[in-house]
Amino acid sequence: MVVILSIIQSLLLAGVQVLLKVSVGRMLPFAWTADFFRSVFVNVPFIGCGVCFGSSCILWLYILKHYPLSDVYPLMSLSYVFGMFASMIFFGEPVGLTKWVGVILIMFGCYFIIKQ
């Protein structure tokens, strides 16, 4: 069960980053003005980012309450894996060999943590 919860939590964290990247593209250039803050708080992807982040935090609290930190904290690194796939799918970003090697190492690390 902890693996499924960790995957969901990591997907939410990756979703936060995707929505944040989309939302900053829709914002005005940063300035301490009312127009800038309006462009932030009427930005639907930014609001979605907050919802995903809040959901992720609540789920993380549940995970921390019920499982050892030494087991679950390393599983959060799955968000890097999901984030890389999201960057390819949603933004068409190139992924080089070294990034693939890093993702494979992360996945092996998570496997070893789960199998202990």
Protein backbone atom coordinates (compact mmCIF):
# COMPACT_ATOMS: atom_id res chain seq x y z
CA MET A 1 0.00 0.00 0.00
CA VAL A 2 2.84 2.40 0.78
CA VAL A 3 4.12 2.04 -2.78
CA ILE A 4 0.77 3.04 -4.28
CA LEU A 5 0.44 6.00 -1.92
CA SER A 6 4.00 7.09 -2.72
CA ILE A 7 3.35 6.87 -6.45
CA ILE A 8 0.19 8.98 -6.11
CA GLN A 9 2.04 11.52 -3.99
CA SER A 10 4.91 11.67 -6.48
CA LEU A 11 2.48 12.08 -9.39
CA LEU A 12 0.86 14.99 -7.55
CA LEU A 13 4.29 16.60 -7.02
CA ALA A 14 5.13 16.19 -10.71
CA GLY A 15 1.72 17.65 -11.56
CA VAL A 16 2.55 20.68 -9.43
CA GLN A 17 5.66 21.32 -11.52
CA VAL A 18 3.85 20.88 -14.85
CA LEU A 19 1.04 23.23 -13.82
CA LEU A 20 3.53 25.73 -12.43
CA LYS A 21 5.46 25.79 -15.71
CA VAL A 22 2.23 26.29 -17.68
CA SER A 23 1.03 29.00 -15.32
CA VAL A 24 4.21 31.08 -15.41
CA GLY A 25 3.85 31.24 -19.18
CA ARG A 26 0.49 32.93 -18.67
CA MET A 27 1.62 35.42 -16.04
CA LEU A 28 2.73 38.96 -16.65
CA PRO A 29 6.43 39.70 -16.07
CA PHE A 30 7.13 39.82 -12.34
CA ALA A 31 6.47 43.17 -10.68
CA TRP A 32 5.04 44.31 -7.39
CA THR A 33 1.87 45.57 -9.06
CA ALA A 34 -1.81 44.78 -8.80
CA ASP A 35 -1.86 43.72 -12.47
CA PHE A 36 0.82 41.12 -11.86
CA PHE A 37 -0.95 39.66 -8.83
CA ARG A 38 -4.23 39.57 -10.75
CA SER A 39 -2.45 37.62 -13.50
CA VAL A 40 -1.33 35.14 -10.84
CA PHE A 41 -4.54 34.59 -8.93
CA VAL A 42 -6.89 34.32 -11.92
CA ASN A 43 -4.53 31.85 -13.56
CA VAL A 44 -6.35 28.48 -13.64
CA PRO A 45 -3.17 26.35 -13.96
CA PHE A 46 -1.71 28.20 -10.95
CA ILE A 47 -4.83 27.43 -8.93
CA GLY A 48 -4.56 23.79 -10.05
CA CYS A 49 -0.94 23.83 -8.93
CA GLY A 50 -2.07 24.89 -5.45
CA VAL A 51 -4.72 22.17 -5.34
CA CYS A 52 -2.20 19.50 -6.37
CA PHE A 53 0.35 20.78 -3.87
CA GLY A 54 -2.17 20.88 -1.03
CA SER A 55 -3.38 17.37 -1.87
CA SER A 56 0.20 16.15 -2.02
CA CYS A 57 0.93 17.62 1.41
CA ILE A 58 -2.14 16.04 2.99
CA LEU A 59 -1.27 12.66 1.49
CA TRP A 60 2.33 13.09 2.68
CA LEU A 61 1.08 13.72 6.24
CA TYR A 62 -0.89 10.48 6.08
CA ILE A 63 2.11 8.56 4.74
CA LEU A 64 4.40 9.97 7.44
CA LYS A 65 1.95 9.06 10.17
CA HIS A 66 1.70 5.42 9.10
CA TYR A 67 5.10 4.46 7.66
CA PRO A 68 8.78 4.89 8.64
CA LEU A 69 10.39 8.03 7.22
CA SER A 70 13.45 6.03 6.15
CA ASP A 71 11.20 3.92 3.90
CA VAL A 72 9.00 6.60 2.37
CA TYR A 73 11.22 9.64 1.96
CA PRO A 74 13.44 8.06 -0.71
CA LEU A 75 10.31 7.04 -2.63
CA MET A 76 9.52 10.73 -3.15
CA SER A 77 12.35 10.68 -5.70
CA LEU A 78 9.84 9.06 -8.05
CA SER A 79 8.56 12.59 -8.63
CA TYR A 80 11.79 13.23 -10.57
CA VAL A 81 11.02 10.27 -12.81
CA PHE A 82 7.44 11.40 -13.41
CA GLY A 83 8.61 14.98 -13.92
CA MET A 84 11.02 13.91 -16.65
CA PHE A 85 8.31 11.98 -18.48
CA ALA A 86 5.96 14.95 -18.11
CA SER A 87 8.58 17.30 -19.58
CA MET A 88 8.83 15.06 -22.63
CA ILE A 89 5.07 14.60 -23.04
CA PHE A 90 3.77 18.10 -22.29
CA PHE A 91 6.67 20.32 -23.33
CA GLY A 92 8.52 18.23 -25.91
CA GLU A 93 11.78 18.61 -24.02
CA PRO A 94 14.68 16.41 -25.12
CA VAL A 95 15.97 13.79 -22.70
CA GLY A 96 19.57 12.73 -23.09
CA LEU A 97 21.33 9.54 -22.14
CA THR A 98 22.61 10.81 -18.80
CA LYS A 99 19.08 11.73 -17.71
CA TRP A 100 17.87 8.24 -18.63
CA VAL A 101 20.71 6.73 -16.62
CA GLY A 102 19.72 8.90 -13.66
CA VAL A 103 16.09 7.82 -13.92
CA ILE A 104 17.10 4.17 -14.06
CA LEU A 105 19.27 4.61 -10.96
CA ILE A 106 16.40 6.28 -9.11
CA MET A 107 14.08 3.43 -10.05
CA PHE A 108 16.61 0.81 -8.92
CA GLY A 109 17.06 2.70 -5.66
CA CYS A 110 13.31 2.73 -5.05
CA TYR A 111 13.15 -0.97 -5.87
CA PHE A 112 15.83 -1.77 -3.29
CA ILE A 113 14.07 0.34 -0.65
CA ILE A 114 10.77 -1.45 -1.29
CA LYS A 115 12.36 -4.91 -1.23
CA GLN A 116 14.25 -4.52 2.05
